[in-house]
Each structure stands twice: as structure tokens, then as C-alpha cells.
């Protein structure tokens, strides 16, 4: 339609009409592009809000997970120091309650919490190349910092676990474990059925092994504290963006 009109105006040398037709075409194309860009921007913002909501859900769960493991490692350290003092002073548990407390402490020594995992939403964002959907530079920085901290925590956890295993014979040689088949999590998957306190005091490697376990628990506690701080920073950035919850 517009093409036939332009051809007619050219044949009739109607230059003003040609200019108007050209202007109409240019404006039409410009408006069309603007509408398309506006629509794409609107869709991007909708996608961003969905991602922000999912990130918020991820990191709320991560923060709860880390809070539990941080308190767990504090208990592990206290338990290890309790056993260390009892063995060092050669003070065996006497009452039934003391025996139970000592057995629970021994179980805590050999336990651990795996560091929190990365956000599944952030991994998806990275894999799909949609990082630019997130407008906040501070949020993207916080997400990357948490991801890096998590990688370090998991690598270090493996190293520390191998170190603990190397020093485990003095402990395991004095403790008899029993599986707890009713447990719903790994921390409670076993209990101490019995222990040989005299064997602990007689073994010169027992207390050095406990010292290693204290350092292992302390290092894991530090690493997961760092994770907790980074996760809290992500949630703080999300809160500033008023992410829907």
C-alpha cells in the first residue's frame, strides 16, 4: 500500500508527499522497535522478579542450614574438649548419667556437617547465561562471593576430613559404635554403644588425636561462619531490592 503510494508520488514528482511517506515509514519502524524493546524489557523484569524470589528462598534455606551446622560445630568442639579433659585428668564417668554424657560427647567428636551447597538458582543463572537479568551489581557481587566461599569451604572440608581420618585409629579403637536406623539425618545416624576409658588413657596417641579433631572442627566452623556471612549479605541485597517473598 505504502509502496504503491510512494511510486505514484515519484512519477508525479510530488516531493513533499514523498518526504511525508518516508517520515511515516521511519516513525512506524521506530515506534515498532520501541514497542518491541519495551515489551522485551518488561519480560526481562518479570523474569528478574522470579529469579529474585527464588534466590531469596534458596538463601533463606541456606542460612538456616548454616546456622544449624555452626551451632553443631560449637557443640563438637565443646564435646571434644570435655573428653580431652576427662582423659587427661584420668577422670572416668561414674554415674549412668555421666556415662551417657561421655558417650554422646564421643559421638560428637567423630561427627561433622558438610558445608552448605551453592544456590541452585544461581547455578541455573550461570549455566543459562542470564546473569545480566539481575540489574543490581551489588547483588551479583554478593552471589559470586558466596559461590566462591562455598567452593573453598567444600574443598577445605575434604582436606580436613582426610586429616581427621588419618588420626582416627586411636578414637575408633576405643569406641564401639552402633547404627541408628531410625535417624532422619546423617548427624544422628549412629550412636556410641560402648567405650573403653582405660584404653583411652593408656594410648599415648589418644590426646594428640583429640587435638587434631578440635582443630578440624574449629576450621570447619570458621569456613561455615564465612559462608553464613556471605549468605546473609546476599539476603541483605535482596531485601534492598524488595524482592517478593
Protein backbone atom coordinates (compact mmCIF):
# COMPACT_ATOMS: atom_id res chain seq x y z
CA UNK A 1 0.00 0.00 0.00
CA UNK A 2 2.65 2.48 1.11
CA UNK A 3 4.98 1.29 -1.69
CA UNK A 4 2.41 1.94 -4.43
CA UNK A 5 1.77 5.37 -2.97
CA UNK A 6 5.48 6.22 -2.98
CA UNK A 7 5.85 5.06 -6.62
CA UNK A 8 2.90 7.22 -7.64
CA UNK A 9 4.34 10.27 -5.87
CA UNK A 10 7.73 9.70 -7.53
CA UNK A 11 6.16 9.51 -11.00
CA UNK A 12 4.25 12.70 -10.31
CA UNK A 13 7.37 14.27 -8.72
CA UNK A 14 5.42 15.11 -5.59
CA UNK A 15 8.48 15.56 -3.37
CA UNK A 16 6.64 16.81 -0.31
CA UNK A 17 4.37 13.76 -0.33
CA UNK A 18 7.42 11.51 -0.79
CA UNK A 19 9.08 13.10 2.26
CA UNK A 20 5.92 12.60 4.30
CA UNK A 21 5.67 8.96 3.23
CA UNK A 22 9.31 8.44 4.15
CA UNK A 23 8.74 10.08 7.51
CA UNK A 24 5.72 7.85 8.15
CA UNK A 25 7.80 4.74 7.39
CA UNK A 26 10.67 5.86 9.64
CA UNK A 27 8.37 6.76 12.51
CA UNK A 28 6.49 3.48 12.11
CA UNK A 29 9.69 1.45 12.23
CA UNK A 30 10.95 3.46 15.20
CA UNK A 31 7.70 3.03 17.13
CA UNK A 32 7.65 -0.68 16.31
CA UNK A 33 11.20 -1.12 17.60
CA UNK A 34 10.42 0.86 20.74
CA UNK A 35 7.34 -1.23 21.47
CA UNK A 36 9.35 -4.41 20.88
CA UNK A 37 12.15 -3.18 23.17
CA UNK A 38 9.67 -2.10 25.83
CA UNK A 39 7.97 -5.48 25.71
CA UNK A 40 11.29 -7.31 25.94
CA UNK A 41 12.35 -5.12 28.87
CA UNK A 42 9.06 -5.82 30.62
CA UNK A 43 9.55 -9.57 30.14
CA UNK A 44 13.12 -9.30 31.45
CA UNK A 45 11.90 -7.51 34.59
CA UNK A 46 9.29 -10.20 35.12
CA UNK A 47 11.97 -12.89 34.73
CA UNK A 48 14.21 -10.98 37.14
CA UNK A 49 11.49 -10.84 39.80
CA UNK A 50 11.00 -14.59 39.52
CA UNK A 51 14.75 -15.15 39.93
CA UNK A 52 14.93 -12.76 42.88
CA UNK A 53 12.11 -14.62 44.61
CA UNK A 54 13.80 -17.96 44.01
CA UNK A 55 17.17 -16.64 45.21
CA UNK A 56 15.51 -15.37 48.37
CA UNK A 57 14.01 -18.83 49.01
CA UNK A 58 17.38 -20.51 48.35
CA UNK A 59 19.36 -18.29 50.69
CA UNK A 60 16.81 -18.33 53.49
CA UNK A 61 17.19 -22.13 53.48
CA UNK A 62 20.98 -21.88 53.20
CA UNK A 63 21.11 -19.51 56.17
CA UNK A 64 19.02 -21.87 58.32
CA UNK A 65 21.22 -24.79 57.27
CA UNK A 66 24.41 -22.94 58.16
CA UNK A 67 23.03 -21.67 61.46
CA UNK A 68 22.35 -25.29 62.49
CA UNK A 69 25.79 -26.52 61.46
CA UNK A 70 27.57 -23.59 63.15
CA UNK A 71 25.88 -24.40 66.45
CA UNK A 72 26.65 -28.07 65.78
CA UNK A 73 30.38 -27.43 65.39
CA UNK A 74 30.40 -25.39 68.57
CA UNK A 75 28.93 -28.43 70.35
CA UNK A 76 31.50 -30.70 68.69
CA UNK A 77 34.34 -28.52 69.98
CA UNK A 78 32.88 -28.38 73.50
CA UNK A 79 32.42 -32.16 73.46
CA UNK A 80 35.98 -32.79 72.30
CA UNK A 81 37.39 -30.52 74.99
CA UNK A 82 35.21 -32.26 77.59
CA UNK A 83 36.56 -35.69 76.62
CA UNK A 84 40.12 -34.32 76.43
CA UNK A 85 39.92 -33.00 79.99
CA UNK A 86 38.41 -36.23 81.34
CA UNK A 87 41.10 -38.40 79.72
CA UNK A 88 43.93 -36.02 80.59
CA UNK A 89 42.93 -35.96 84.27
CA UNK A 90 42.03 -39.67 84.14
CA UNK A 91 38.54 -38.95 85.45
CA UNK A 92 36.24 -41.65 84.04
CA UNK A 93 32.46 -41.21 84.02
CA UNK A 94 30.94 -42.96 87.02
CA UNK A 95 27.19 -42.47 87.18
CA UNK A 96 24.80 -43.62 84.49
CA UNK A 97 24.14 -40.01 83.52
CA UNK A 98 27.88 -39.25 83.25
CA UNK A 99 28.35 -42.38 81.15
CA UNK A 100 25.62 -41.21 78.78
CA UNK A 101 27.07 -37.71 78.59
CA UNK A 102 30.53 -39.08 77.81
CA UNK A 103 29.16 -41.40 75.12
CA UNK A 104 27.29 -38.51 73.48
CA UNK A 105 30.47 -36.43 73.56
CA UNK A 106 32.43 -39.22 71.85
CA UNK A 107 29.79 -39.40 69.12
CA UNK A 108 30.04 -35.62 68.62
CA UNK A 109 33.82 -35.79 68.23
CA UNK A 110 33.58 -38.02 65.16
CA UNK A 111 30.70 -36.12 63.59
CA UNK A 112 30.66 -33.32 61.05
CA UNK A 113 28.43 -31.08 58.95
CA UNK A 114 29.07 -30.75 55.22
CA UNK A 115 29.20 -27.08 54.15
CA UNK A 116 26.05 -25.61 52.65
CA UNK A 117 25.75 -26.10 48.89
CA UNK A 118 25.59 -23.34 46.25
CA UNK A 119 22.26 -21.77 45.38
CA UNK A 120 20.59 -23.93 42.71
CA UNK A 121 19.02 -20.78 41.25
CA UNK A 122 22.39 -19.06 40.90
CA UNK A 123 23.86 -22.16 39.26
CA UNK A 124 20.95 -22.12 36.80
CA UNK A 125 21.52 -18.40 36.10
CA UNK A 126 25.19 -19.04 35.40
CA UNK A 127 24.51 -22.06 33.18
CA UNK A 128 21.88 -20.23 31.11
CA UNK A 129 23.98 -17.06 30.75
CA UNK A 130 21.19 -14.94 32.26
CA UNK A 131 23.34 -13.13 34.81
CA UNK A 132 22.56 -9.81 33.10
CA UNK A 133 18.88 -10.22 34.01
CA UNK A 134 19.96 -9.19 37.52
CA UNK A 135 20.26 -5.41 37.46
CA UNK A 136 21.93 -4.96 40.84
CA UNK A 137 25.72 -5.04 40.65
CA UNK A 138 25.90 -5.40 44.44
CA UNK A 139 23.65 -8.45 44.33
CA UNK A 140 25.71 -10.09 41.58
CA UNK A 141 28.89 -9.42 43.56
CA UNK A 142 27.35 -10.92 46.71
CA UNK A 143 26.23 -14.02 44.79
CA UNK A 144 29.69 -14.54 43.29
CA UNK A 145 31.36 -14.05 46.69
CA UNK A 146 29.06 -16.66 48.27
CA UNK A 147 29.72 -19.08 45.42
CA UNK A 148 33.50 -18.65 45.76
CA UNK A 149 33.35 -19.04 49.54
CA UNK A 150 31.29 -22.20 49.15
CA UNK A 151 33.77 -23.75 46.73
CA UNK A 152 36.59 -23.04 49.18
CA UNK A 153 34.57 -24.48 52.09
CA UNK A 154 33.87 -27.73 50.23
CA UNK A 155 37.48 -28.16 49.10
CA UNK A 156 38.73 -27.48 52.61
CA UNK A 157 36.13 -29.84 54.11
CA UNK A 158 37.57 -32.68 52.04
CA UNK A 159 41.11 -31.89 53.13
CA UNK A 160 40.09 -31.63 56.79
CA UNK A 161 38.09 -34.86 56.60
CA UNK A 162 41.16 -36.70 55.29
CA UNK A 163 43.26 -35.23 58.09
CA UNK A 164 40.72 -36.34 60.72
CA UNK A 165 40.61 -39.83 59.19
CA UNK A 166 44.38 -40.09 59.47
CA UNK A 167 44.16 -39.52 63.22
CA UNK A 168 41.02 -41.59 63.80
CA UNK A 169 42.51 -45.00 64.83
CA UNK A 170 43.10 -44.04 68.50
CA UNK A 171 39.48 -42.89 68.77
CA UNK A 172 37.82 -45.68 66.83
CA UNK A 173 39.94 -48.27 68.61
CA UNK A 174 38.40 -47.23 71.93
CA UNK A 175 34.79 -46.75 70.86
CA UNK A 176 32.14 -49.20 69.72
CA UNK A 177 29.51 -47.59 67.51
CA UNK A 178 26.00 -48.73 66.71
CA UNK A 179 23.88 -47.72 63.73
CA UNK A 180 20.75 -45.72 64.45
CA UNK A 181 18.44 -46.91 61.69
CA UNK A 182 15.65 -44.60 62.82
CA UNK A 183 17.72 -41.46 62.24
CA UNK A 184 16.41 -38.90 59.76
CA UNK A 185 19.76 -37.18 59.21
CA UNK A 186 23.42 -38.09 58.99
CA UNK A 187 24.39 -36.47 62.28
CA UNK A 188 22.24 -38.90 64.25
CA UNK A 189 22.85 -41.95 62.04
CA UNK A 190 24.94 -43.67 64.71
CA UNK A 191 25.35 -43.79 68.49
CA UNK A 192 28.11 -44.89 70.83
CA UNK A 193 27.22 -48.32 72.17
CA UNK A 194 30.23 -48.61 74.47
CA UNK A 195 33.72 -47.26 75.06
CA UNK A 196 36.94 -48.29 76.81
CA UNK A 197 38.06 -45.38 79.00
CA UNK A 198 41.13 -47.18 80.25
CA UNK A 199 42.30 -47.81 76.71
CA UNK A 200 41.93 -44.11 76.02
CA UNK A 201 44.14 -43.13 78.94
CA UNK A 202 46.73 -45.80 78.12
CA UNK A 203 47.08 -44.83 74.46
CA UNK A 204 49.68 -42.01 74.09
CA UNK A 205 48.16 -41.07 70.73
CA UNK A 206 44.63 -40.52 72.05
CA UNK A 207 45.00 -36.93 73.31
CA UNK A 208 47.02 -35.77 70.26
CA UNK A 209 44.26 -37.20 68.08
CA UNK A 210 41.69 -35.20 70.05
CA UNK A 211 43.76 -32.06 69.49
CA UNK A 212 43.63 -32.68 65.76
CA UNK A 213 39.85 -33.12 65.90
CA UNK A 214 39.49 -29.84 67.80
CA UNK A 215 41.44 -28.05 65.07
CA UNK A 216 39.39 -29.77 62.33
CA UNK A 217 36.10 -28.73 63.94
CA UNK A 218 37.39 -25.20 64.53
CA UNK A 219 38.45 -24.83 60.88
CA UNK A 220 35.11 -26.12 59.61
CA UNK A 221 33.35 -23.74 61.99
CA UNK A 222 35.34 -20.81 60.60
CA UNK A 223 34.63 -21.79 57.00
CA UNK A 224 30.90 -22.16 57.56
CA UNK A 225 30.78 -18.93 59.55
CA UNK A 226 32.22 -17.27 56.45
CA UNK A 227 29.53 -18.93 54.34
CA UNK A 228 26.89 -17.64 56.75
CA UNK A 229 28.19 -14.08 56.44
CA UNK A 230 28.20 -14.29 52.64
CA UNK A 231 24.68 -15.77 52.56
CA UNK A 232 23.47 -13.03 54.90
CA UNK A 233 24.98 -10.44 52.56
CA UNK A 234 23.02 -11.89 49.62
CA UNK A 235 19.79 -11.72 51.62
CA UNK A 236 20.60 -8.14 52.60
CA UNK A 237 20.99 -7.17 48.92
CA UNK A 238 17.73 -8.94 48.07
CA UNK A 239 15.96 -7.09 50.87
CA UNK A 240 17.16 -3.77 49.47
CA UNK A 241 15.58 -4.70 46.16
CA UNK A 242 12.32 -5.53 47.96
CA UNK A 243 12.29 -8.99 46.46
CA UNK A 244 8.86 -10.67 46.78
CA UNK A 245 8.81 -13.47 49.32
